[in-house]
Protein backbone atom coordinates (compact mmCIF):
# COMPACT_ATOMS: atom_id res chain seq x y z
CA MET A 1 -169.50 66.46 -44.22
CA LYS A 2 -169.91 63.75 -41.59
CA VAL A 3 -171.20 64.93 -38.18
CA VAL A 4 -171.53 63.03 -34.88
CA LEU A 5 -174.63 64.31 -33.09
CA ALA A 6 -175.31 63.83 -29.37
CA TYR A 7 -178.79 62.42 -29.88
CA SER A 8 -181.56 61.72 -27.36
CA GLY A 9 -184.37 61.01 -29.80
CA GLY A 10 -186.49 63.84 -28.44
CA LEU A 11 -187.96 66.78 -30.31
CA ASP A 12 -184.92 69.06 -30.16
CA THR A 13 -182.26 66.61 -31.29
CA SER A 14 -184.55 65.05 -33.92
CA VAL A 15 -185.07 68.49 -35.43
CA ILE A 16 -181.30 69.11 -35.20
CA LEU A 17 -180.66 65.84 -37.05
CA LYS A 18 -182.87 66.89 -39.96
CA TRP A 19 -181.55 70.47 -39.85
CA LEU A 20 -177.96 69.22 -40.16
CA GLN A 21 -178.91 67.20 -43.21
CA GLU A 22 -180.66 70.19 -44.77
CA LYS A 23 -178.31 73.00 -43.74
CA TYR A 24 -174.94 71.24 -44.13
CA ASN A 25 -175.89 68.36 -46.44
CA ALA A 26 -174.36 66.30 -43.65
CA GLU A 27 -174.09 62.56 -43.19
CA VAL A 28 -175.26 62.36 -39.58
CA VAL A 29 -173.95 59.81 -37.09
CA THR A 30 -176.07 59.61 -33.91
CA PHE A 31 -174.65 58.90 -30.47
CA THR A 32 -176.93 58.12 -27.55
CA ALA A 33 -175.39 57.55 -24.12
CA ASP A 34 -177.08 55.61 -21.35
CA ILE A 35 -175.76 57.24 -18.18
CA GLY A 36 -178.70 56.16 -16.04
CA GLN A 37 -181.21 58.81 -17.11
CA GLY A 38 -184.03 56.32 -16.65
CA GLU A 39 -185.31 56.51 -20.22
CA GLU A 40 -185.45 53.77 -22.84
CA VAL A 41 -182.45 54.67 -24.98
CA GLU A 42 -183.21 52.02 -27.62
CA GLU A 43 -186.13 54.16 -28.77
CA ALA A 44 -183.52 56.57 -30.13
CA ARG A 45 -182.37 53.85 -32.53
CA GLU A 46 -185.84 53.45 -34.02
CA LYS A 47 -186.24 57.22 -34.31
CA ALA A 48 -182.88 57.59 -36.05
CA LEU A 49 -183.73 54.80 -38.50
CA GLN A 50 -187.04 56.52 -39.29
CA LEU A 51 -185.10 59.68 -40.09
CA GLY A 52 -182.93 57.87 -42.59
CA ILE A 53 -179.79 57.23 -40.54
CA LYS A 54 -177.86 54.15 -41.63
CA PRO A 55 -177.73 51.38 -38.98
CA GLU A 56 -173.93 51.51 -38.94
CA ASN A 57 -174.15 55.24 -38.13
CA ILE A 58 -176.19 54.72 -34.96
CA PHE A 59 -174.24 54.36 -31.69
CA ILE A 60 -176.09 53.56 -28.46
CA GLU A 61 -173.84 52.77 -25.51
CA ASP A 62 -174.25 51.88 -21.86
CA LEU A 63 -171.79 54.16 -20.05
CA ARG A 64 -173.19 53.85 -16.53
CA GLU A 65 -170.25 52.03 -15.00
CA GLU A 66 -167.68 54.30 -16.63
CA PHE A 67 -169.70 57.35 -15.60
CA VAL A 68 -169.72 56.45 -11.91
CA ARG A 69 -166.25 54.87 -11.74
CA ASP A 70 -164.25 57.46 -13.70
CA TYR A 71 -166.23 60.67 -13.14
CA VAL A 72 -168.62 60.56 -10.17
CA PHE A 73 -166.32 58.74 -7.73
CA PRO A 74 -163.22 60.91 -8.45
CA MET A 75 -165.39 63.99 -7.92
CA PHE A 76 -166.71 62.66 -4.60
CA ARG A 77 -163.17 62.00 -3.38
CA ALA A 78 -162.88 65.79 -3.38
CA ASN A 79 -166.26 66.29 -1.59
CA ALA A 80 -167.05 68.68 -4.43
CA ILE A 81 -170.01 71.04 -4.01
CA TYR A 82 -170.59 74.12 -6.17
CA GLU A 83 -171.60 77.27 -4.27
CA GLY A 84 -172.23 75.35 -1.08
CA GLU A 85 -175.09 73.13 -2.26
CA TYR A 86 -175.01 71.82 -5.83
CA LEU A 87 -173.56 68.30 -6.19
CA LEU A 88 -172.72 68.88 -9.89
CA GLY A 89 -174.95 66.15 -11.32
CA THR A 90 -175.32 67.64 -14.79
CA SER A 91 -171.81 69.09 -14.92
CA ILE A 92 -170.01 65.80 -14.30
CA ALA A 93 -171.86 63.94 -17.08
CA ARG A 94 -170.86 66.28 -19.91
CA PRO A 95 -167.14 65.43 -20.15
CA LEU A 96 -167.90 61.72 -20.58
CA ILE A 97 -170.40 62.40 -23.37
CA ALA A 98 -167.93 64.76 -25.07
CA LYS A 99 -165.13 62.20 -24.76
CA ARG A 100 -167.15 59.41 -26.32
CA GLN A 101 -168.42 61.69 -29.08
CA ILE A 102 -164.87 62.53 -30.08
CA GLU A 103 -163.87 58.86 -29.97
CA ILE A 104 -166.76 58.01 -32.30
CA ALA A 105 -165.88 60.93 -34.60
CA GLU A 106 -162.35 59.58 -34.94
CA LYS A 107 -163.64 56.04 -35.49
CA VAL A 108 -166.03 56.99 -38.32
CA GLY A 109 -163.86 59.75 -39.78
CA ALA A 110 -166.26 62.60 -38.96
CA GLU A 111 -165.08 66.18 -39.39
CA ALA A 112 -167.60 67.67 -36.95
CA VAL A 113 -169.62 67.10 -33.80
CA ALA A 114 -172.94 68.69 -32.81
CA HIS A 115 -174.94 69.11 -29.61
CA GLY A 116 -178.36 70.39 -28.61
CA ALA A 117 -177.35 72.78 -25.82
CA THR A 118 -178.75 76.29 -26.01
CA GLY A 119 -176.74 79.50 -26.30
CA LYS A 120 -177.77 80.58 -22.79
CA GLY A 121 -176.65 77.65 -20.69
CA ASN A 122 -173.55 76.06 -19.25
CA ASP A 123 -173.75 72.83 -21.24
CA GLN A 124 -172.60 74.39 -24.51
CA VAL A 125 -169.40 75.42 -22.73
CA ARG A 126 -168.91 72.04 -21.08
CA PHE A 127 -169.39 70.08 -24.28
CA GLU A 128 -167.23 72.30 -26.42
CA LEU A 129 -164.36 72.68 -23.96
CA GLY A 130 -164.32 68.88 -23.85
CA TYR A 131 -164.31 68.58 -27.64
CA TYR A 132 -161.47 71.02 -28.12
CA ALA A 133 -159.39 69.57 -25.27
CA LEU A 134 -159.55 66.12 -26.85
CA LYS A 135 -159.44 67.06 -30.55
CA PRO A 136 -158.34 70.66 -31.17
CA ASP A 137 -159.10 70.58 -34.90
CA ILE A 138 -162.69 69.37 -34.58
CA LYS A 139 -165.48 71.47 -36.09
CA VAL A 140 -168.31 72.15 -33.63
CA ILE A 141 -171.88 72.82 -34.75
CA ALA A 142 -174.24 74.34 -32.17
CA PRO A 143 -177.62 74.74 -33.93
CA TRP A 144 -179.21 76.82 -31.17
CA ARG A 145 -176.60 79.50 -31.88
CA GLU A 146 -177.29 79.41 -35.63
CA TRP A 147 -180.95 78.81 -36.40
CA ASP A 148 -184.10 80.85 -35.77
CA LEU A 149 -186.13 77.95 -34.34
CA ASN A 150 -186.20 79.61 -30.95
CA SER A 151 -189.53 78.30 -29.61
CA ARG A 152 -191.22 74.95 -29.13
CA GLU A 153 -193.91 75.95 -31.62
CA LYS A 154 -191.33 76.62 -34.32
CA LEU A 155 -189.66 73.30 -33.59
CA LEU A 156 -193.00 71.52 -33.95
CA GLN A 157 -193.72 73.30 -37.22
CA PHE A 158 -190.30 72.27 -38.57
CA ALA A 159 -190.93 68.68 -37.46
CA GLU A 160 -194.30 68.54 -39.18
CA LYS A 161 -192.94 70.06 -42.38
CA HIS A 162 -190.10 67.51 -42.55
CA GLY A 163 -192.07 64.45 -41.46
CA ILE A 164 -190.31 64.04 -38.12
CA PRO A 165 -192.45 61.77 -35.90
CA ILE A 166 -193.38 63.53 -32.68
CA ASN A 167 -195.10 61.94 -29.71
CA ARG A 168 -197.84 64.37 -28.69
CA HIS A 169 -199.45 62.03 -26.20
CA GLY A 170 -199.45 62.95 -22.56
CA LYS A 171 -198.91 66.27 -20.84
CA LYS A 172 -195.53 67.88 -21.47
CA SER A 173 -193.62 68.86 -18.36
CA PRO A 174 -193.33 72.65 -17.91
CA TYR A 175 -189.75 72.14 -16.75
CA SER A 176 -186.47 71.66 -18.56
CA MET A 177 -185.08 68.47 -17.02
CA ASP A 178 -181.80 66.58 -17.12
CA ALA A 179 -181.24 63.20 -15.48
CA ASN A 180 -178.49 60.66 -15.00
CA LEU A 181 -177.52 58.11 -12.38
CA LEU A 182 -176.42 60.86 -9.99
CA HIS A 183 -179.33 63.29 -10.16
CA ILE A 184 -182.31 64.88 -11.88
CA SER A 185 -182.60 68.65 -12.38
CA TYR A 186 -185.49 71.03 -13.03
CA GLU A 187 -185.39 74.51 -14.55
CA GLY A 188 -187.93 76.85 -16.16
CA GLY A 189 -191.66 77.14 -15.57
CA ILE A 190 -192.59 78.65 -12.22
CA LEU A 191 -189.00 78.18 -11.08
CA GLU A 192 -188.11 81.31 -13.03
CA ASP A 193 -189.69 83.19 -10.10
CA PRO A 194 -187.21 82.64 -7.25
CA TRP A 195 -189.98 83.37 -4.71
CA ALA A 196 -192.33 80.65 -5.99
CA GLU A 197 -192.25 77.32 -4.17
CA PRO A 198 -192.13 74.34 -6.54
CA GLU A 199 -195.24 72.19 -6.46
CA GLU A 200 -194.88 68.75 -4.96
CA GLU A 201 -195.81 67.15 -8.30
CA MET A 202 -192.59 68.46 -9.84
CA TRP A 203 -190.37 66.12 -7.84
CA ARG A 204 -190.05 62.83 -9.71
CA TRP A 205 -187.53 60.77 -7.78
CA THR A 206 -187.92 61.25 -4.05
CA THR A 207 -190.73 60.71 -1.60
CA SER A 208 -191.77 63.91 0.11
CA PRO A 209 -189.94 64.07 3.46
CA GLU A 210 -193.34 64.59 5.12
CA LYS A 211 -194.54 61.29 3.66
CA ALA A 212 -191.33 59.35 4.16
CA PRO A 213 -191.34 56.39 6.57
CA ASP A 214 -191.86 57.23 10.23
CA LYS A 215 -189.19 54.72 11.19
CA PRO A 216 -185.51 55.48 10.50
CA GLU A 217 -183.43 53.07 8.43
CA TYR A 218 -179.78 52.24 9.04
CA LEU A 219 -177.14 51.29 6.52
CA GLU A 220 -173.38 50.84 6.39
CA ILE A 221 -171.10 51.96 3.56
CA GLU A 222 -167.61 50.53 3.22
CA PHE A 223 -164.80 52.56 1.62
CA LYS A 224 -161.44 51.68 0.11
CA ASN A 225 -159.00 54.30 -1.24
CA GLY A 226 -161.73 56.92 -0.84
CA ASP A 227 -164.33 55.11 -2.97
CA PRO A 228 -167.40 53.22 -1.71
CA ILE A 229 -167.16 49.50 -2.42
CA ALA A 230 -169.96 47.87 -0.42
CA ILE A 231 -173.31 48.51 1.26
CA ASN A 232 -174.22 46.48 4.34
CA GLY A 233 -171.37 44.10 3.56
CA SER A 234 -172.43 43.42 -0.04
CA ARG A 235 -169.79 44.39 -2.58
CA MET A 236 -171.14 46.14 -5.69
CA SER A 237 -169.92 47.69 -8.91
CA PRO A 238 -169.80 51.51 -8.94
CA ALA A 239 -173.07 51.91 -10.86
CA GLN A 240 -174.86 49.27 -8.79
CA LEU A 241 -173.73 50.95 -5.59
CA LEU A 242 -174.98 54.38 -6.65
CA GLU A 243 -178.27 52.87 -7.85
CA THR A 244 -178.71 51.22 -4.45
CA LEU A 245 -177.96 54.44 -2.58
CA ASN A 246 -180.49 56.20 -4.81
CA GLU A 247 -183.17 53.74 -3.70
CA TYR A 248 -182.38 54.40 -0.04
CA GLY A 249 -182.47 58.15 -0.63
CA LYS A 250 -185.65 58.12 -2.70
CA ARG A 251 -187.45 56.13 -0.01
CA HIS A 252 -186.55 58.59 2.73
CA GLY A 253 -186.97 61.88 0.83
CA ILE A 254 -183.25 62.65 0.80
CA GLY A 255 -181.42 64.92 -1.63
CA ARG A 256 -183.83 67.71 -2.62
CA ILE A 257 -182.41 71.20 -3.02
CA ASP A 258 -183.71 74.49 -4.41
CA ILE A 259 -180.97 76.96 -5.32
CA VAL A 260 -180.10 80.06 -7.31
CA GLU A 261 -176.72 79.49 -8.92
CA ASN A 262 -174.29 81.58 -10.91
CA ARG A 263 -173.93 80.21 -14.42
CA PHE A 264 -170.53 80.40 -16.08
CA VAL A 265 -172.03 82.44 -18.93
CA GLY A 266 -172.86 85.22 -16.48
CA MET A 267 -176.51 85.02 -15.44
CA LYS A 268 -178.13 83.73 -12.29
CA SER A 269 -180.36 80.69 -12.67
CA ARG A 270 -182.79 79.05 -10.29
CA GLY A 271 -182.85 75.26 -10.32
CA CYS A 272 -184.14 72.38 -8.26
CA TYR A 273 -182.26 69.11 -7.92
CA GLU A 274 -182.77 65.63 -6.53
CA THR A 275 -179.52 63.84 -5.70
CA PRO A 276 -180.57 61.09 -3.27
CA GLY A 277 -177.66 58.66 -3.44
CA GLY A 278 -175.07 61.40 -3.86
CA THR A 279 -176.27 63.21 -0.75
CA ILE A 280 -175.86 60.02 1.29
CA LEU A 281 -172.46 59.31 -0.25
CA LEU A 282 -171.08 62.78 0.46
CA LYS A 283 -172.07 62.54 4.11
CA ALA A 284 -170.49 59.10 4.43
CA HIS A 285 -167.28 60.06 2.65
CA ARG A 286 -166.70 63.06 4.88
CA ALA A 287 -167.33 60.86 7.90
CA ILE A 288 -164.72 58.26 6.96
CA GLU A 289 -162.25 61.03 6.13
CA SER A 290 -162.81 62.54 9.58
CA ILE A 291 -161.00 59.62 11.23
CA THR A 292 -158.48 58.74 8.50
CA LEU A 293 -157.15 62.07 7.21
CA ASP A 294 -154.50 64.12 8.94
CA ARG A 295 -155.71 67.58 9.93
CA GLY A 296 -153.46 69.28 7.38
CA GLU A 297 -154.67 67.03 4.57
CA ALA A 298 -158.32 67.53 5.51
CA HIS A 299 -158.06 71.29 5.75
CA LEU A 300 -156.10 71.58 2.50
CA LYS A 301 -158.78 69.54 0.73
CA ASP A 302 -161.47 71.86 2.07
CA GLU A 303 -159.50 74.87 0.84
CA ILE A 304 -159.08 73.62 -2.74
CA MET A 305 -162.52 72.02 -3.03
CA PRO A 306 -164.37 75.19 -4.17
CA LYS A 307 -161.84 75.68 -6.97
CA TYR A 308 -162.11 72.02 -7.99
CA ALA A 309 -165.92 72.22 -7.98
CA GLU A 310 -165.87 75.42 -10.02
CA LEU A 311 -163.64 73.79 -12.64
CA ILE A 312 -166.13 70.96 -13.06
CA TYR A 313 -169.13 73.31 -13.12
CA ASN A 314 -167.52 75.51 -15.76
CA GLY A 315 -166.52 72.59 -18.00
CA PHE A 316 -162.77 72.30 -17.33
CA TRP A 317 -162.70 68.57 -16.52
CA PHE A 318 -159.93 67.94 -19.07
CA SER A 319 -157.85 70.95 -18.02
CA PRO A 320 -154.33 70.45 -16.65
CA GLU A 321 -155.28 72.27 -13.44
CA ARG A 322 -158.19 69.89 -12.72
CA GLU A 323 -155.97 66.90 -13.44
CA ALA A 324 -153.28 68.29 -11.13
CA LEU A 325 -155.79 68.84 -8.34
CA GLN A 326 -157.12 65.32 -8.89
CA LYS A 327 -153.68 63.84 -8.33
CA LEU A 328 -153.35 65.76 -5.08
CA ILE A 329 -156.84 64.67 -3.96
CA ASP A 330 -156.29 61.03 -4.91
CA ASN A 331 -153.02 60.98 -2.98
CA THR A 332 -154.94 61.92 0.19
CA GLN A 333 -157.29 58.95 -0.27
CA LYS A 334 -154.82 56.07 0.11
CA ASN A 335 -155.74 55.61 3.80
CA VAL A 336 -159.42 56.51 3.47
CA GLU A 337 -160.93 53.13 4.17
CA GLY A 338 -163.35 51.67 6.65
CA VAL A 339 -167.07 51.61 7.35
CA VAL A 340 -169.56 54.40 8.08
CA ARG A 341 -172.93 53.72 9.70
CA LEU A 342 -175.76 56.08 8.75
CA LYS A 343 -179.33 56.69 9.87
CA LEU A 344 -181.81 57.91 7.25
CA TYR A 345 -184.95 59.67 8.41
CA LYS A 346 -187.37 62.04 6.68
CA GLY A 347 -185.00 63.86 4.37
CA ASN A 348 -182.01 63.68 6.70
CA VAL A 349 -178.77 61.69 6.76
CA PHE A 350 -177.19 61.22 10.19
CA VAL A 351 -173.74 59.75 10.75
CA VAL A 352 -174.00 57.48 13.78
CA GLY A 353 -170.76 55.50 13.56
CA ARG A 354 -167.45 55.21 11.76
CA ARG A 355 -164.52 52.80 12.05
CA SER A 356 -161.31 52.16 10.13
CA PRO A 357 -158.21 49.98 10.39
CA LYS A 358 -156.29 53.15 9.55
CA SER A 359 -158.07 55.44 11.99
CA LEU A 360 -156.12 58.35 13.48
CA PHE A 361 -158.63 58.71 16.29
CA SER A 362 -156.94 57.82 19.57
CA PRO A 363 -159.17 57.24 22.62
CA GLU A 364 -156.06 57.39 24.83
CA PHE A 365 -155.37 60.99 23.77
CA ALA A 366 -158.96 62.19 23.29
CA THR A 367 -160.50 60.91 26.52
CA PHE A 368 -161.86 63.25 29.19
CA GLU A 369 -161.02 60.64 31.77
CA GLU A 370 -157.60 60.12 33.37
CA ASP A 371 -154.88 59.23 30.90
CA LYS A 372 -151.13 58.56 30.92
CA VAL A 373 -150.17 59.80 27.45
CA TYR A 374 -151.06 63.50 27.49
CA ASN A 375 -149.53 66.04 29.85
CA GLN A 376 -152.10 68.82 30.18
CA LYS A 377 -149.40 71.22 31.43
CA ASP A 378 -147.91 71.17 27.89
CA ALA A 379 -150.89 73.18 26.70
CA GLU A 380 -149.68 76.28 28.58
CA GLY A 381 -146.55 76.65 26.47
CA PHE A 382 -148.50 75.85 23.30
CA ILE A 383 -150.95 78.66 24.06
CA LYS A 384 -148.24 81.13 25.04
CA LEU A 385 -146.30 80.56 21.81
CA ASN A 386 -149.43 81.00 19.70
CA ALA A 387 -150.35 84.12 21.66
CA LEU A 388 -146.86 85.66 21.42
CA ARG A 389 -147.73 87.96 18.49
CA PHE A 390 -150.79 89.24 20.36
CA ILE A 391 -148.69 89.88 23.46
CA ILE A 392 -146.05 91.79 21.47
CA GLU A 393 -148.70 93.85 19.70
CA GLY A 394 -150.33 94.61 23.04
CA TYR A 395 -147.11 96.07 24.41
CA VAL A 396 -146.39 98.05 21.23
CA ARG A 397 -149.95 99.41 20.86
CA GLY A 398 -150.39 100.10 24.52
CA LYS A 399 -153.05 97.44 25.07
CA LYS A 400 -151.54 96.12 28.30
């Protein structure tokens, strides 16, 4: 059997690699995706070679531009937030990894794919829904649901027994972390007590808001068709733009959240997230929409957004309902263009200006000064018609 393994080169996936060879007598193909996690992905190549993987069976790919262009930006067109706070940083990366895994499986003629997600989390669902949506006949191997290596100590013992090189230098983080160009997440450790405040040392990306610069910083983001295309007049690729926004956010302590969320598998989970660039982008996108979207469009988007966000969180990126919602959302973005000016200061993002060649904001109608285009007497009939059902009920119920 030939198996394509989503491989990071760390302890878990290195043990999985050897376990697949031992348990299934599998020819393992490793796939390592660079989606901006900030780690040296080429180290995974050396690790795979040490474990006996043929060079032609090692795939390491830079997917940062595709990740931001085809996944992050479409999601931000919807202003998607799960349960009011979570910007879906882990959720949105899984469909891309699953897609590329299936493409590699088809290229090398593999019968199966494997991942290192546990049987308690959301990622197993996200990966596997993606696999089956793209290749219904694929065999999926999820070692954490099969083996008895259910502790770090057992994993280390397996690694030592099978000659898997393990880096024991340095202090291991007490947290389970996931990172990509959009965010970094933390779970486990003291975070399993929802009353315990995370220590400052946990946060890896952002300056503490208390220690952020005392002087605010301004920037301008330009949009076209709902997507950001430039910062302060400099046009950038999608990945470059998000990287740049991350630097702004990190510097000013922007994007930290601490939440208890409802996992799709049924349990509540406490997690902390840093999403510096995404937090800035969401604020800016809503600001440019505020002057370019019709009221009906804007309100409809806000109504469907929780459903759209839930679909992404639960792993239904490739579902027909998500794709249908995406078409509706994208259709609203054709006039979402212009520039938003923001002020960043100690963990906060303030919108201080917005302009667009397609703006629906009319000073002539909105002014509190004298105007010649709006007859204020018209409001009386408007109010009476909207109040008619209350008036009728009042007479019927004796409220007069």
